Amino acid sequence: MAVLLTLSAAGCADVTYHDAATRPFFQKPYYVASHGRKTWWDRIVELDPGKARVKVSPEFLKNPPERIAVLPFVDEGTAQYVVDKLPITMRDREERARWAWTDSQRLRHYMVGYLATREFIVLNTIGIDAVLAAHGIRNGSELAQVSPQTLGRWLNADAVVYGTVTHYEAYYFFLVSAEQVAMKGRIVSTHDGHTLISFDGGRYHVNPMPAIDPIDMMLNSAQTLMDMRDINIARAEDEACREVVIRIPRSKILRQRLMEQALEDEWGQAGPATAPAAAPSTASSPASGARVCENHLASARAGVVTNPSWRQSAFPRDFSGAPQAPLTKSKAHGTRTARANQYGIASAIPQAR
């Protein structure tokens, strides 16, 4: 014990605050594609018979969507609190509508959260709902009648996510309790209407408490009953969405595109007043300021490419540093809308027809 304490103290003493604060950013992280993904051993230890299947089309790999809108999910269940396939609540029609919306929105928001950690630009659900409501879309049936191309024009999105909650229920068998959350859906291109990704996933939160004698059976049955709590349902929702999103291939094309756009916003759109300081002989005219800005943009791109941390990402094409073509009207509108969505502001809501 003394040796272990000595070694641990020596190890901690080697890391000072200065050393920790000067550790470089932008390193290549470990286990990006596997961290948080359950293995067969995890499913045995936690007794989780859930599944997660994701089918990716070749079109997604060649031309991945940049801006994604997660549409309201639809709940296929009864919207009652179901235990062992039997409803134990007596909710009226209005209450069931509210609960169905609540359950589906929970999964939808978890899906939005995990997609937002990736290389996609995920639109704010508040703005999406406002646009749909302005067009008179009030339920899943009406939403299904609108083509993906039309939704893409309304929301200024490259793809939309359709989702359906298939299971949202609990099980109790005295010594075993479980909460099951499952969903299915697809990511559809708004340019041609083709399905880019289809998914089907679910998760069981299982708590088995084996016992032999009658006293242990009573105690363990009470403990498994107390395990049927809202927090465990939330964990099942979280894991169901995480297991789906983590199986979507990461796109180096989108990663590079986001970097290019960020550099364009930082340097390419800057005027002479906001351009970095230049030599006195070149800072006297707007044209020279623009040239300075272009040079800084090229230098920034070159720095990103030559930086060993970024180079590890192995982008399919390099930053050229060449001047970019002027933004077209549609691209400029998309840039403004992307900035608006960063602050949770919906794009210009069309008038209801």
Protein backbone atom coordinates (compact mmCIF):
# COMPACT_ATOMS: atom_id res chain seq x y z
CA MET A 1 0.00 0.00 0.00
CA ALA A 2 2.84 2.39 0.84
CA VAL A 3 4.51 1.69 -2.50
CA LEU A 4 1.26 2.32 -4.38
CA LEU A 5 0.64 5.58 -2.54
CA THR A 6 4.18 6.72 -3.25
CA LEU A 7 3.91 5.92 -6.95
CA SER A 8 0.53 7.59 -7.28
CA ALA A 9 1.77 10.72 -5.49
CA ALA A 10 4.82 10.86 -7.72
CA GLY A 11 2.64 10.48 -10.81
CA CYS A 12 0.30 13.26 -9.74
CA ALA A 13 3.18 15.55 -8.88
CA ASP A 14 4.47 15.33 -12.44
CA VAL A 15 1.33 17.07 -13.82
CA THR A 16 1.26 20.75 -12.91
CA TYR A 17 -1.46 23.24 -13.74
CA HIS A 18 0.79 24.78 -16.38
CA ASP A 19 1.34 21.41 -18.04
CA ALA A 20 -2.37 20.67 -18.11
CA ALA A 21 -3.27 24.14 -19.43
CA THR A 22 -0.72 23.97 -22.24
CA ARG A 23 -1.80 20.63 -23.61
CA PRO A 24 -2.64 21.17 -27.30
CA PHE A 25 -6.16 21.11 -28.70
CA PHE A 26 -7.34 19.40 -31.90
CA GLN A 27 -5.78 16.02 -31.29
CA LYS A 28 -7.09 12.89 -32.94
CA PRO A 29 -9.33 11.26 -30.28
CA TYR A 30 -9.40 7.56 -29.52
CA TYR A 31 -12.36 5.24 -30.09
CA VAL A 32 -14.58 7.86 -31.75
CA ALA A 33 -16.64 5.29 -33.65
CA SER A 34 -16.95 2.79 -30.79
CA HIS A 35 -17.18 4.80 -27.56
CA GLY A 36 -20.72 4.43 -26.21
CA ARG A 37 -21.61 1.58 -28.54
CA LYS A 38 -22.69 -1.52 -26.70
CA THR A 39 -20.78 -4.75 -27.22
CA TRP A 40 -22.08 -8.28 -26.75
CA TRP A 41 -20.45 -8.29 -23.32
CA ASP A 42 -22.32 -5.13 -22.30
CA ARG A 43 -25.61 -6.68 -23.35
CA ILE A 44 -24.90 -9.83 -21.34
CA VAL A 45 -23.86 -7.94 -18.20
CA GLU A 46 -26.87 -5.60 -18.37
CA LEU A 47 -29.24 -8.22 -19.84
CA ASP A 48 -30.22 -5.92 -22.67
CA PRO A 49 -31.84 -7.82 -25.57
CA GLY A 50 -32.26 -4.57 -27.50
CA LYS A 51 -31.09 -4.08 -31.03
CA ALA A 52 -29.90 -1.35 -33.36
CA ARG A 53 -29.89 -1.80 -37.12
CA VAL A 54 -28.83 0.95 -39.51
CA LYS A 55 -28.84 0.57 -43.29
CA VAL A 56 -26.83 3.16 -45.23
CA SER A 57 -27.28 3.78 -48.95
CA PRO A 58 -24.29 4.43 -51.25
CA GLU A 59 -25.74 7.85 -52.05
CA PHE A 60 -25.22 8.95 -48.45
CA LEU A 61 -21.54 8.05 -48.60
CA LYS A 62 -21.03 9.95 -51.87
CA ASN A 63 -23.11 13.05 -51.13
CA PRO A 64 -24.02 13.28 -47.44
CA PRO A 65 -26.64 15.86 -46.40
CA GLU A 66 -25.34 18.90 -44.57
CA ARG A 67 -28.50 20.43 -43.10
CA ILE A 68 -30.84 17.94 -41.40
CA ALA A 69 -34.32 18.56 -40.01
CA VAL A 70 -35.66 16.03 -37.50
CA LEU A 71 -39.41 16.02 -38.02
CA PRO A 72 -41.90 15.28 -35.22
CA PHE A 73 -41.96 11.58 -34.36
CA VAL A 74 -45.19 9.60 -34.40
CA ASP A 75 -46.19 7.34 -31.50
CA GLU A 76 -47.82 4.08 -32.63
CA GLY A 77 -48.72 2.97 -29.10
CA THR A 78 -51.87 3.41 -27.06
CA ALA A 79 -50.38 6.35 -25.07
CA GLN A 80 -51.41 4.55 -21.87
CA TYR A 81 -48.96 3.44 -19.20
CA VAL A 82 -48.54 -0.19 -20.20
CA VAL A 83 -47.13 -2.92 -17.94
CA ASP A 84 -46.90 -6.47 -19.24
CA LYS A 85 -48.93 -5.43 -22.31
CA LEU A 86 -51.81 -4.31 -20.07
CA PRO A 87 -52.75 -0.62 -19.71
CA ILE A 88 -52.96 0.43 -16.07
CA THR A 89 -54.13 4.00 -16.74
CA MET A 90 -57.49 5.29 -17.94
CA ARG A 91 -56.55 8.38 -19.93
CA ASP A 92 -59.11 10.14 -22.09
CA ARG A 93 -58.56 11.10 -25.71
CA GLU A 94 -56.96 14.47 -24.94
CA GLU A 95 -54.61 13.01 -22.35
CA ARG A 96 -53.55 10.24 -24.72
CA ALA A 97 -52.79 12.82 -27.42
CA ARG A 98 -50.60 14.77 -25.00
CA TRP A 99 -48.80 11.65 -23.77
CA ALA A 100 -48.20 10.39 -27.31
CA TRP A 101 -46.67 13.76 -28.19
CA THR A 102 -44.60 13.70 -24.98
CA ASP A 103 -43.17 10.23 -25.59
CA SER A 104 -42.36 10.88 -29.24
CA GLN A 105 -40.82 14.28 -28.51
CA ARG A 106 -38.49 12.75 -25.94
CA LEU A 107 -37.01 10.38 -28.49
CA ARG A 108 -36.95 13.11 -31.13
CA HIS A 109 -34.92 15.43 -28.88
CA TYR A 110 -32.44 12.69 -28.01
CA MET A 111 -32.03 12.05 -31.74
CA VAL A 112 -31.45 15.77 -32.35
CA GLY A 113 -28.88 15.90 -29.55
CA TYR A 114 -26.79 13.01 -30.83
CA LEU A 115 -26.95 14.18 -34.46
CA ALA A 116 -25.82 17.65 -33.33
CA THR A 117 -22.62 16.18 -31.91
CA ARG A 118 -21.74 14.96 -35.38
CA GLU A 119 -20.72 16.81 -38.55
CA PHE A 120 -24.30 17.73 -39.48
CA ILE A 121 -26.05 21.06 -39.10
CA VAL A 122 -29.21 20.08 -37.23
CA LEU A 123 -32.09 22.54 -37.42
CA ASN A 124 -33.81 23.72 -34.27
CA THR A 125 -37.00 21.78 -33.55
CA ILE A 126 -38.82 24.95 -32.46
CA GLY A 127 -38.33 26.46 -35.90
CA ILE A 128 -39.30 23.21 -37.63
CA ASP A 129 -42.55 22.97 -35.67
CA ALA A 130 -43.37 26.62 -36.36
CA VAL A 131 -42.96 26.14 -40.11
CA LEU A 132 -45.04 22.96 -40.13
CA ALA A 133 -47.79 24.61 -38.09
CA ALA A 134 -47.80 27.61 -40.43
CA HIS A 135 -48.48 25.22 -43.33
CA GLY A 136 -51.31 23.50 -41.48
CA ILE A 137 -49.47 20.26 -40.66
CA ARG A 138 -51.08 19.03 -37.43
CA ASN A 139 -50.48 15.27 -37.29
CA GLY A 140 -48.47 12.41 -38.73
CA SER A 141 -51.02 11.68 -41.45
CA GLU A 142 -50.82 15.21 -42.82
CA LEU A 143 -47.04 15.18 -42.56
CA ALA A 144 -46.82 11.97 -44.60
CA GLN A 145 -48.76 13.62 -47.44
CA VAL A 146 -46.08 16.30 -47.90
CA SER A 147 -43.19 15.25 -50.13
CA PRO A 148 -39.61 15.42 -48.81
CA GLN A 149 -38.79 17.88 -51.62
CA THR A 150 -41.49 20.25 -50.38
CA LEU A 151 -40.29 19.92 -46.79
CA GLY A 152 -36.78 20.70 -47.96
CA ARG A 153 -37.97 23.96 -49.53
CA TRP A 154 -39.96 24.92 -46.45
CA LEU A 155 -37.16 24.18 -43.99
CA ASN A 156 -34.12 24.85 -46.19
CA ALA A 157 -32.81 21.37 -45.36
CA ASP A 158 -30.87 18.77 -47.34
CA ALA A 159 -32.53 15.84 -45.56
CA VAL A 160 -35.40 15.17 -43.19
CA VAL A 161 -35.66 12.52 -40.48
CA TYR A 162 -38.92 10.60 -40.09
CA GLY A 163 -39.35 8.65 -36.85
CA THR A 164 -41.92 6.35 -35.28
CA VAL A 165 -42.05 5.17 -31.66
CA THR A 166 -42.92 1.48 -31.80
CA HIS A 167 -42.56 0.44 -28.14
CA TYR A 168 -42.80 2.48 -24.97
CA GLU A 169 -43.79 0.16 -22.15
CA ALA A 170 -42.72 -1.60 -18.98
CA TYR A 171 -42.58 -5.18 -17.74
CA TYR A 172 -42.76 -6.59 -14.22
CA PHE A 173 -42.37 -10.24 -13.28
CA PHE A 174 -41.64 -9.96 -9.54
CA LEU A 175 -37.94 -10.81 -9.70
CA VAL A 176 -37.43 -9.03 -13.03
CA SER A 177 -38.49 -5.58 -14.19
CA ALA A 178 -37.76 -3.86 -17.48
CA GLU A 179 -38.54 -0.75 -19.51
CA GLN A 180 -38.57 -1.05 -23.30
CA VAL A 181 -38.19 1.85 -25.71
CA ALA A 182 -37.97 1.18 -29.45
CA MET A 183 -38.27 3.22 -32.63
CA LYS A 184 -37.80 3.06 -36.36
CA GLY A 185 -37.34 5.66 -39.06
CA ARG A 186 -35.43 6.92 -42.05
CA ILE A 187 -33.38 9.86 -43.25
CA VAL A 188 -34.62 11.02 -46.65
CA SER A 189 -32.95 13.35 -49.13
CA THR A 190 -34.99 16.46 -49.91
CA HIS A 191 -33.34 16.74 -53.34
CA ASP A 192 -34.55 13.50 -54.92
CA GLY A 193 -36.67 11.85 -52.21
CA HIS A 194 -34.41 8.80 -51.87
CA THR A 195 -33.90 7.14 -48.49
CA LEU A 196 -30.32 7.73 -47.40
CA ILE A 197 -30.46 5.87 -44.08
CA SER A 198 -33.04 3.60 -42.52
CA PHE A 199 -32.84 2.64 -38.86
CA ASP A 200 -34.59 0.38 -36.38
CA GLY A 201 -33.46 0.37 -32.79
CA GLY A 202 -34.57 -0.24 -29.26
CA ARG A 203 -33.34 -0.80 -25.76
CA TYR A 204 -34.45 -2.72 -22.68
CA HIS A 205 -33.51 -1.48 -19.24
CA VAL A 206 -33.61 -4.77 -17.33
CA ASN A 207 -33.11 -5.30 -13.59
CA PRO A 208 -33.11 -8.99 -12.58
CA MET A 209 -32.93 -9.87 -8.87
CA PRO A 210 -32.63 -13.67 -8.47
CA ALA A 211 -33.56 -15.20 -5.15
CA ILE A 212 -33.93 -18.65 -3.58
CA ASP A 213 -35.76 -18.41 -0.25
CA PRO A 214 -39.19 -16.76 0.18
CA ILE A 215 -37.90 -13.78 2.18
CA ASP A 216 -35.38 -12.87 -0.52
CA MET A 217 -38.07 -13.25 -3.16
CA MET A 218 -40.29 -10.71 -1.40
CA LEU A 219 -37.46 -8.25 -0.85
CA ASN A 220 -36.15 -8.58 -4.40
CA SER A 221 -39.63 -8.26 -5.87
CA ALA A 222 -40.09 -4.99 -4.01
CA GLN A 223 -36.70 -3.76 -5.22
CA THR A 224 -37.44 -4.55 -8.87
CA LEU A 225 -40.78 -2.76 -8.51
CA MET A 226 -39.01 0.34 -7.20
CA ASP A 227 -36.66 0.16 -10.18
CA MET A 228 -39.55 1.06 -12.51
CA ARG A 229 -38.82 4.78 -12.38
CA ASP A 230 -38.93 7.61 -14.88
CA ILE A 231 -35.15 8.03 -14.85
CA ASN A 232 -34.68 4.50 -16.19
CA ILE A 233 -37.11 5.18 -19.04
CA ALA A 234 -35.07 8.28 -19.89
CA ARG A 235 -31.89 6.18 -19.94
CA ALA A 236 -33.55 3.72 -22.30
CA GLU A 237 -34.58 6.59 -24.60
CA ASP A 238 -31.06 7.99 -24.57
CA GLU A 239 -29.40 4.68 -25.34
CA ALA A 240 -31.82 3.79 -28.12
CA CYS A 241 -30.99 7.00 -30.00
CA ARG A 242 -27.28 6.85 -29.25
CA GLU A 243 -26.99 3.29 -30.55
CA VAL A 244 -28.59 4.38 -33.83
CA VAL A 245 -26.62 7.59 -34.41
CA ILE A 246 -23.27 6.03 -33.56
CA ARG A 247 -23.77 3.56 -36.42
CA ILE A 248 -24.14 6.31 -39.03
CA PRO A 249 -20.81 6.59 -40.89
CA ARG A 250 -18.82 9.73 -40.22
CA SER A 251 -18.31 11.93 -43.26
CA LYS A 252 -14.93 13.53 -43.89
CA ILE A 253 -16.51 15.43 -46.78
CA LEU A 254 -18.92 17.21 -44.43
CA ARG A 255 -16.20 17.83 -41.87
CA GLN A 256 -14.05 19.59 -44.42
CA ARG A 257 -17.02 21.55 -45.78
CA LEU A 258 -17.82 22.89 -42.31
CA MET A 259 -14.23 23.98 -41.82
CA GLU A 260 -14.22 25.78 -45.15
CA GLN A 261 -17.45 27.58 -44.36
CA ALA A 262 -16.19 28.62 -40.93
CA LEU A 263 -13.02 30.06 -42.44
CA GLU A 264 -15.07 31.84 -45.08
CA ASP A 265 -17.28 33.40 -42.42
CA GLU A 266 -14.27 34.45 -40.37
CA TRP A 267 -12.07 35.89 -43.12
CA GLY A 268 -13.79 35.77 -46.49
CA GLN A 269 -16.73 37.95 -45.44
CA ALA A 270 -14.63 40.47 -43.48
CA GLY A 271 -14.39 43.99 -44.85
CA PRO A 272 -11.46 46.42 -44.69
CA ALA A 273 -12.58 47.68 -41.29
CA THR A 274 -12.53 44.23 -39.74
CA ALA A 275 -9.57 42.82 -41.64
CA PRO A 276 -6.39 42.13 -39.65
CA ALA A 277 -3.80 44.88 -39.51
CA ALA A 278 -1.67 45.15 -42.60
CA ALA A 279 1.44 47.02 -43.62
CA PRO A 280 0.96 50.82 -44.01
CA SER A 281 1.59 50.68 -47.74
CA THR A 282 -1.26 48.21 -48.36
CA ALA A 283 -3.92 49.34 -45.85
CA SER A 284 -4.93 52.55 -47.55
CA SER A 285 -7.61 51.27 -49.95
CA PRO A 286 -10.60 48.90 -49.72
CA ALA A 287 -9.15 46.73 -52.46
CA SER A 288 -5.91 46.30 -50.57
CA GLY A 289 -7.90 45.43 -47.42
CA ALA A 290 -9.75 42.74 -49.34
CA ARG A 291 -6.47 41.36 -50.64
CA VAL A 292 -5.10 41.25 -47.09
CA CYS A 293 -8.24 39.43 -46.00
CA GLU A 294 -7.81 36.93 -48.86
CA ASN A 295 -4.20 36.36 -47.89
CA HIS A 296 -5.15 35.74 -44.28
CA LEU A 297 -7.83 33.30 -45.41
CA ALA A 298 -5.31 31.41 -47.52
CA SER A 299 -2.83 31.40 -44.64
CA ALA A 300 -5.48 30.11 -42.25
CA ARG A 301 -6.39 27.30 -44.62
CA ALA A 302 -2.77 26.41 -45.17
CA GLY A 303 -2.24 26.37 -41.41
CA VAL A 304 -5.12 23.97 -40.92
CA VAL A 305 -3.77 21.64 -43.56
CA THR A 306 -0.17 21.69 -42.37
CA ASN A 307 -1.12 21.31 -38.72
CA PRO A 308 -0.32 17.70 -37.77
CA SER A 309 -3.44 17.46 -35.62
CA TRP A 310 -5.74 18.27 -38.52
CA ARG A 311 -3.69 16.29 -41.00
CA GLN A 312 -4.48 13.12 -39.08
CA SER A 313 -8.09 13.41 -40.16
CA ALA A 314 -7.04 12.52 -43.72
CA PHE A 315 -9.47 14.67 -45.64
CA PRO A 316 -10.32 13.44 -49.14
CA ARG A 317 -9.31 16.81 -50.63
CA ASP A 318 -7.06 19.60 -49.40
CA PHE A 319 -7.81 23.22 -48.74
CA SER A 320 -6.51 24.94 -51.81
CA GLY A 321 -6.51 28.48 -50.46
CA ALA A 322 -7.83 29.69 -53.83
CA PRO A 323 -10.36 32.56 -53.85
CA GLN A 324 -13.88 31.27 -53.53
CA ALA A 325 -16.59 31.94 -56.08
CA PRO A 326 -19.20 34.53 -55.04
CA LEU A 327 -22.15 33.17 -53.14
CA THR A 328 -25.22 32.61 -55.25
CA LYS A 329 -28.55 33.86 -54.03
CA SER A 330 -29.63 30.43 -52.79
CA LYS A 331 -26.30 29.74 -51.09
CA ALA A 332 -26.30 33.15 -49.44
CA HIS A 333 -29.81 32.50 -48.17
CA GLY A 334 -28.68 29.14 -46.79
CA THR A 335 -25.76 30.80 -44.99
CA ARG A 336 -28.03 33.37 -43.40
CA THR A 337 -30.50 30.68 -42.37
CA ALA A 338 -27.72 28.55 -40.86
CA ARG A 339 -26.62 31.55 -38.78
CA ALA A 340 -30.19 32.13 -37.68
CA ASN A 341 -30.55 28.51 -36.61
CA GLN A 342 -27.41 28.77 -34.52
CA TYR A 343 -29.35 31.09 -32.20
CA GLY A 344 -32.51 29.00 -32.24
CA ILE A 345 -34.32 31.34 -34.63
CA ALA A 346 -36.56 29.72 -37.18
CA SER A 347 -36.06 30.48 -40.81
CA ALA A 348 -38.55 32.84 -42.37
CA ILE A 349 -41.87 31.13 -41.68
CA PRO A 350 -43.95 30.95 -44.83
CA GLN A 351 -47.52 32.14 -44.68
CA ALA A 352 -50.12 29.41 -44.36
CA ARG A 353 -51.87 28.66 -47.59
